[in-house]
Amino acid sequence: MKYVVGFLVLFSSMVSAGSLVCDGTVDKVAYHGNDKLMVKLSSMNNPVFFCNPNADWRVSGAEGRVMKAETCKAVFSMFLSARSTKEFISNVHFDGSNVPANCNEFGAWKDVFIRFVYY
């Protein structure tokens, strides 16, 4: 019985860990020379890498999720538009092992998976 309880505790922490919804205006959008695009919302302390415009994007902790290169370009375009118009983005869902418990606790230079953007 203790093994079942231990497994359930471990499994539930694995499922809930690494998923977060942030909001705000787009403070920064960037391209990095390693073919990665970055974004930082006003509620975030650091920008994060969220896709590669030339390849499928996968991150640890978000197994089974893939952002295709064309989707990457569309999402980046959304962030550029929101940045230029100072539009408030109400929901950006982040997944992956580099996703913290709070929006203001992202580590520097981390890869994340964006599952959903709404504004």
N, C-alpha and C. Protein backbone atom coordinates (compact mmCIF):
# COMPACT_ATOMS: atom_id res chain seq x y z
N MET A 1 0.82 -1.20 0.00
CA MET A 1 0.00 0.00 0.00
C MET A 1 0.87 1.27 0.00
N LYS A 2 1.95 1.26 0.79
CA LYS A 2 2.78 2.45 0.83
C LYS A 2 3.42 2.75 -0.52
N TYR A 3 3.66 1.71 -1.35
CA TYR A 3 4.20 1.93 -2.69
C TYR A 3 3.19 2.62 -3.60
N VAL A 4 1.93 2.24 -3.44
CA VAL A 4 0.87 2.87 -4.24
C VAL A 4 0.74 4.34 -3.87
N VAL A 5 0.73 4.63 -2.58
CA VAL A 5 0.64 6.02 -2.13
C VAL A 5 1.85 6.81 -2.60
N GLY A 6 3.04 6.23 -2.47
CA GLY A 6 4.25 6.91 -2.93
C GLY A 6 4.21 7.19 -4.42
N PHE A 7 3.74 6.21 -5.21
CA PHE A 7 3.62 6.40 -6.65
C PHE A 7 2.63 7.51 -6.98
N LEU A 8 1.49 7.52 -6.30
CA LEU A 8 0.47 8.54 -6.55
C LEU A 8 0.99 9.93 -6.21
N VAL A 9 1.72 10.06 -5.12
CA VAL A 9 2.29 11.35 -4.75
C VAL A 9 3.32 11.78 -5.79
N LEU A 10 4.19 10.88 -6.19
CA LEU A 10 5.20 11.19 -7.20
C LEU A 10 4.55 11.54 -8.52
N PHE A 11 3.58 10.73 -8.96
CA PHE A 11 2.92 10.95 -10.24
C PHE A 11 2.15 12.27 -10.23
N SER A 12 1.44 12.58 -9.16
CA SER A 12 0.66 13.82 -9.13
C SER A 12 1.57 15.04 -9.12
N SER A 13 2.73 14.95 -8.49
CA SER A 13 3.64 16.09 -8.52
C SER A 13 4.28 16.25 -9.89
N MET A 14 4.50 15.12 -10.60
CA MET A 14 5.06 15.21 -11.94
C MET A 14 4.06 15.83 -12.90
N VAL A 15 2.80 15.50 -12.76
CA VAL A 15 1.79 16.01 -13.67
C VAL A 15 1.55 17.49 -13.45
N SER A 16 1.49 17.92 -12.18
CA SER A 16 1.18 19.32 -11.91
C SER A 16 2.41 20.23 -12.02
N ALA A 17 3.61 19.68 -11.87
CA ALA A 17 4.82 20.50 -11.95
C ALA A 17 5.07 20.91 -13.39
N GLY A 18 5.58 22.10 -13.58
CA GLY A 18 5.99 22.54 -14.89
C GLY A 18 4.87 23.02 -15.78
N SER A 19 3.80 23.52 -15.19
CA SER A 19 2.71 24.09 -15.97
C SER A 19 2.26 25.38 -15.29
N LEU A 20 2.13 26.43 -16.07
CA LEU A 20 1.86 27.75 -15.50
C LEU A 20 1.19 28.64 -16.53
N VAL A 21 0.30 29.50 -16.07
CA VAL A 21 -0.33 30.50 -16.93
C VAL A 21 0.13 31.87 -16.48
N CYS A 22 0.67 32.65 -17.42
CA CYS A 22 1.10 34.02 -17.14
C CYS A 22 0.33 34.98 -18.04
N ASP A 23 0.31 36.24 -17.64
CA ASP A 23 -0.34 37.26 -18.45
C ASP A 23 0.52 38.52 -18.44
N GLY A 24 0.09 39.51 -19.19
CA GLY A 24 0.79 40.79 -19.20
C GLY A 24 1.01 41.31 -20.60
N THR A 25 1.72 42.40 -20.68
CA THR A 25 2.11 42.94 -21.97
C THR A 25 3.46 42.34 -22.36
N VAL A 26 3.76 42.35 -23.63
CA VAL A 26 5.02 41.79 -24.10
C VAL A 26 6.11 42.83 -23.91
N ASP A 27 7.03 42.54 -23.00
CA ASP A 27 8.17 43.44 -22.75
C ASP A 27 9.27 43.25 -23.78
N LYS A 28 9.53 42.00 -24.13
CA LYS A 28 10.64 41.70 -25.04
C LYS A 28 10.27 40.54 -25.96
N VAL A 29 10.70 40.64 -27.20
CA VAL A 29 10.73 39.52 -28.14
C VAL A 29 12.12 39.53 -28.73
N ALA A 30 12.67 38.35 -28.96
CA ALA A 30 14.05 38.32 -29.42
C ALA A 30 14.32 37.06 -30.22
N TYR A 31 15.32 37.17 -31.10
CA TYR A 31 15.88 36.02 -31.81
C TYR A 31 17.29 35.81 -31.26
N HIS A 32 17.62 34.57 -30.97
CA HIS A 32 18.95 34.24 -30.51
C HIS A 32 19.65 33.43 -31.59
N GLY A 33 20.93 33.58 -31.74
CA GLY A 33 21.71 32.99 -32.82
C GLY A 33 21.69 31.48 -32.91
N ASN A 34 21.15 30.81 -31.91
CA ASN A 34 21.05 29.35 -31.96
C ASN A 34 19.71 28.91 -32.53
N ASP A 35 19.08 29.78 -33.32
CA ASP A 35 17.78 29.52 -33.95
C ASP A 35 16.64 29.36 -32.94
N LYS A 36 16.68 30.12 -31.87
CA LYS A 36 15.62 30.08 -30.87
C LYS A 36 15.00 31.47 -30.75
N LEU A 37 13.68 31.50 -30.58
CA LEU A 37 12.96 32.76 -30.35
C LEU A 37 12.63 32.87 -28.87
N MET A 38 12.62 34.13 -28.39
CA MET A 38 12.39 34.38 -26.97
C MET A 38 11.24 35.36 -26.78
N VAL A 39 10.61 35.27 -25.59
CA VAL A 39 9.58 36.21 -25.21
C VAL A 39 9.68 36.47 -23.71
N LYS A 40 9.32 37.69 -23.31
CA LYS A 40 9.19 38.04 -21.89
C LYS A 40 7.94 38.89 -21.74
N LEU A 41 7.04 38.44 -20.88
CA LEU A 41 5.85 39.23 -20.54
C LEU A 41 6.15 40.09 -19.33
N SER A 42 5.34 41.10 -19.11
CA SER A 42 5.57 42.02 -17.99
C SER A 42 5.49 41.31 -16.63
N SER A 43 4.80 40.20 -16.54
CA SER A 43 4.70 39.45 -15.28
C SER A 43 5.88 38.50 -15.05
N MET A 44 6.76 38.40 -16.03
CA MET A 44 7.89 37.47 -15.94
C MET A 44 9.18 38.20 -15.59
N ASN A 45 10.06 37.53 -14.86
CA ASN A 45 11.34 38.13 -14.48
C ASN A 45 12.41 37.95 -15.55
N ASN A 46 12.31 36.91 -16.37
CA ASN A 46 13.30 36.63 -17.41
C ASN A 46 12.61 36.22 -18.70
N PRO A 47 13.21 36.54 -19.84
CA PRO A 47 12.69 36.00 -21.10
C PRO A 47 13.00 34.50 -21.18
N VAL A 48 12.19 33.79 -21.97
CA VAL A 48 12.39 32.35 -22.15
C VAL A 48 12.41 32.01 -23.63
N PHE A 49 13.14 30.96 -23.97
CA PHE A 49 13.10 30.42 -25.33
C PHE A 49 11.82 29.62 -25.47
N PHE A 50 11.08 29.83 -26.59
CA PHE A 50 9.82 29.09 -26.73
C PHE A 50 9.68 28.35 -28.05
N CYS A 51 10.59 28.55 -29.01
CA CYS A 51 10.49 27.78 -30.25
C CYS A 51 11.69 28.02 -31.15
N ASN A 52 11.73 27.20 -32.21
CA ASN A 52 12.74 27.31 -33.25
C ASN A 52 12.00 27.49 -34.57
N PRO A 53 12.22 28.60 -35.29
CA PRO A 53 11.46 28.84 -36.52
C PRO A 53 11.85 27.93 -37.69
N ASN A 54 12.86 27.08 -37.49
CA ASN A 54 13.32 26.20 -38.56
C ASN A 54 13.19 24.72 -38.24
N ALA A 55 12.64 24.37 -37.07
CA ALA A 55 12.56 22.95 -36.68
C ALA A 55 11.46 22.74 -35.66
N ASP A 56 11.05 21.49 -35.51
CA ASP A 56 10.08 21.14 -34.47
C ASP A 56 10.68 21.46 -33.10
N TRP A 57 9.84 21.92 -32.17
CA TRP A 57 10.27 22.32 -30.82
C TRP A 57 9.69 21.36 -29.79
N ARG A 58 10.54 20.77 -29.02
CA ARG A 58 10.16 19.89 -27.92
C ARG A 58 11.01 20.26 -26.71
N VAL A 59 10.42 20.14 -25.51
CA VAL A 59 11.18 20.39 -24.29
C VAL A 59 10.92 19.27 -23.29
N SER A 60 11.86 19.07 -22.39
CA SER A 60 11.67 18.06 -21.35
C SER A 60 10.55 18.52 -20.42
N GLY A 61 9.80 17.56 -19.93
CA GLY A 61 8.69 17.87 -19.05
C GLY A 61 7.39 18.17 -19.79
N ALA A 62 7.44 18.18 -21.11
CA ALA A 62 6.24 18.40 -21.93
C ALA A 62 6.23 17.35 -23.04
N GLU A 63 6.47 16.11 -22.63
CA GLU A 63 6.56 15.02 -23.59
C GLU A 63 5.25 14.90 -24.37
N GLY A 64 5.38 14.61 -25.64
CA GLY A 64 4.22 14.47 -26.50
C GLY A 64 3.75 15.78 -27.11
N ARG A 65 4.29 16.89 -26.67
CA ARG A 65 3.92 18.19 -27.23
C ARG A 65 5.00 18.64 -28.21
N VAL A 66 4.56 19.14 -29.35
CA VAL A 66 5.48 19.60 -30.39
C VAL A 66 4.94 20.90 -30.97
N MET A 67 5.81 21.91 -31.05
CA MET A 67 5.45 23.12 -31.79
C MET A 67 6.19 23.05 -33.13
N LYS A 68 5.42 23.02 -34.19
CA LYS A 68 5.99 22.98 -35.54
C LYS A 68 6.58 24.34 -35.89
N ALA A 69 7.48 24.37 -36.86
CA ALA A 69 8.16 25.60 -37.26
C ALA A 69 7.17 26.66 -37.74
N GLU A 70 6.18 26.28 -38.50
CA GLU A 70 5.19 27.25 -38.99
C GLU A 70 4.36 27.84 -37.85
N THR A 71 4.02 27.01 -36.87
CA THR A 71 3.30 27.49 -35.70
C THR A 71 4.18 28.45 -34.91
N CYS A 72 5.44 28.13 -34.80
CA CYS A 72 6.41 28.99 -34.12
C CYS A 72 6.39 30.40 -34.72
N LYS A 73 6.44 30.46 -36.03
CA LYS A 73 6.45 31.75 -36.72
C LYS A 73 5.15 32.52 -36.47
N ALA A 74 4.04 31.81 -36.44
CA ALA A 74 2.74 32.47 -36.19
C ALA A 74 2.66 33.00 -34.77
N VAL A 75 3.12 32.21 -33.81
CA VAL A 75 3.09 32.65 -32.40
C VAL A 75 4.03 33.84 -32.21
N PHE A 76 5.21 33.78 -32.81
CA PHE A 76 6.14 34.90 -32.72
C PHE A 76 5.52 36.16 -33.31
N SER A 77 4.81 36.02 -34.41
CA SER A 77 4.12 37.14 -35.04
C SER A 77 3.06 37.72 -34.10
N MET A 78 2.34 36.84 -33.40
CA MET A 78 1.36 37.31 -32.41
C MET A 78 2.04 38.14 -31.33
N PHE A 79 3.18 37.65 -30.83
CA PHE A 79 3.90 38.39 -29.80
C PHE A 79 4.43 39.73 -30.34
N LEU A 80 4.91 39.75 -31.57
CA LEU A 80 5.37 41.01 -32.17
C LEU A 80 4.23 42.01 -32.29
N SER A 81 3.07 41.54 -32.72
CA SER A 81 1.90 42.39 -32.83
C SER A 81 1.49 42.94 -31.47
N ALA A 82 1.43 42.07 -30.49
CA ALA A 82 1.05 42.50 -29.14
C ALA A 82 2.07 43.49 -28.58
N ARG A 83 3.33 43.28 -28.89
CA ARG A 83 4.38 44.20 -28.43
C ARG A 83 4.21 45.57 -29.06
N SER A 84 3.97 45.61 -30.36
CA SER A 84 3.88 46.90 -31.05
C SER A 84 2.61 47.67 -30.68
N THR A 85 1.55 46.95 -30.33
CA THR A 85 0.29 47.63 -29.97
C THR A 85 0.11 47.77 -28.46
N LYS A 86 1.06 47.22 -27.69
CA LYS A 86 1.00 47.23 -26.23
C LYS A 86 -0.26 46.54 -25.70
N GLU A 87 -0.72 45.56 -26.46
CA GLU A 87 -1.92 44.80 -26.11
C GLU A 87 -1.63 43.89 -24.91
N PHE A 88 -2.61 43.77 -24.02
CA PHE A 88 -2.50 42.90 -22.85
C PHE A 88 -2.85 41.47 -23.27
N ILE A 89 -1.99 40.52 -22.96
CA ILE A 89 -2.24 39.11 -23.25
C ILE A 89 -2.72 38.47 -21.95
N SER A 90 -3.93 37.93 -21.99
CA SER A 90 -4.54 37.42 -20.75
C SER A 90 -4.11 36.00 -20.40
N ASN A 91 -3.66 35.22 -21.36
CA ASN A 91 -3.28 33.83 -21.07
C ASN A 91 -2.15 33.36 -21.96
N VAL A 92 -1.03 33.01 -21.35
CA VAL A 92 0.02 32.26 -22.03
C VAL A 92 0.30 31.06 -21.14
N HIS A 93 0.01 29.86 -21.66
CA HIS A 93 0.20 28.63 -20.91
C HIS A 93 1.58 28.06 -21.22
N PHE A 94 2.41 27.96 -20.19
CA PHE A 94 3.76 27.42 -20.32
C PHE A 94 3.81 26.01 -19.73
N ASP A 95 4.50 25.10 -20.40
CA ASP A 95 4.72 23.75 -19.91
C ASP A 95 6.20 23.41 -20.02
N GLY A 96 6.63 22.42 -19.21
CA GLY A 96 7.99 21.92 -19.30
C GLY A 96 8.69 21.92 -17.95
N SER A 97 9.79 21.21 -17.90
CA SER A 97 10.52 21.08 -16.63
C SER A 97 11.20 22.37 -16.19
N ASN A 98 11.34 23.36 -17.08
CA ASN A 98 11.93 24.65 -16.71
C ASN A 98 10.90 25.69 -16.28
N VAL A 99 9.64 25.28 -16.19
CA VAL A 99 8.58 26.22 -15.82
C VAL A 99 8.46 26.25 -14.29
N PRO A 100 8.57 27.43 -13.69
CA PRO A 100 8.53 27.55 -12.23
C PRO A 100 7.09 27.57 -11.71
N ALA A 101 6.97 27.76 -10.41
CA ALA A 101 5.65 27.83 -9.77
C ALA A 101 5.00 29.20 -9.96
N ASN A 102 5.81 30.23 -10.20
CA ASN A 102 5.29 31.59 -10.36
C ASN A 102 5.94 32.26 -11.57
N CYS A 103 5.21 33.20 -12.16
CA CYS A 103 5.68 33.86 -13.38
C CYS A 103 6.95 34.68 -13.16
N ASN A 104 7.18 35.13 -11.95
CA ASN A 104 8.36 35.95 -11.69
C ASN A 104 9.55 35.13 -11.18
N GLU A 105 9.54 33.81 -11.48
CA GLU A 105 10.63 32.93 -11.03
C GLU A 105 11.28 32.14 -12.17
N PHE A 106 11.13 32.59 -13.41
CA PHE A 106 11.75 31.87 -14.53
C PHE A 106 13.27 32.00 -14.45
N GLY A 107 13.96 30.90 -14.68
CA GLY A 107 15.41 30.92 -14.75
C GLY A 107 15.86 31.56 -16.07
N ALA A 108 17.07 32.09 -16.06
CA ALA A 108 17.60 32.72 -17.27
C ALA A 108 17.95 31.66 -18.31
N TRP A 109 17.70 31.98 -19.57
CA TRP A 109 18.09 31.16 -20.72
C TRP A 109 17.45 29.77 -20.71
N LYS A 110 16.17 29.68 -20.31
CA LYS A 110 15.50 28.39 -20.20
C LYS A 110 14.57 28.15 -21.39
N ASP A 111 14.45 26.87 -21.79
CA ASP A 111 13.52 26.44 -22.84
C ASP A 111 12.19 26.07 -22.21
N VAL A 112 11.09 26.53 -22.80
CA VAL A 112 9.75 26.18 -22.35
C VAL A 112 8.89 25.82 -23.56
N PHE A 113 7.76 25.23 -23.29
CA PHE A 113 6.79 24.95 -24.34
C PHE A 113 5.57 25.83 -24.10
N ILE A 114 5.14 26.55 -25.13
CA ILE A 114 3.92 27.35 -25.02
C ILE A 114 2.79 26.53 -25.62
N ARG A 115 1.83 26.19 -24.76
CA ARG A 115 0.71 25.37 -25.17
C ARG A 115 -0.47 26.18 -25.69
N PHE A 116 -0.62 27.42 -25.21
CA PHE A 116 -1.81 28.20 -25.55
C PHE A 116 -1.50 29.67 -25.35
N VAL A 117 -1.95 30.51 -26.29
CA VAL A 117 -1.84 31.96 -26.17
C VAL A 117 -3.20 32.54 -26.49
N TYR A 118 -3.66 33.45 -25.62
CA TYR A 118 -4.97 34.07 -25.83
C TYR A 118 -4.89 35.55 -25.47
N TYR A 119 -5.33 36.40 -26.42
CA TYR A 119 -5.47 37.82 -26.10
C TYR A 119 -6.45 38.47 -27.03
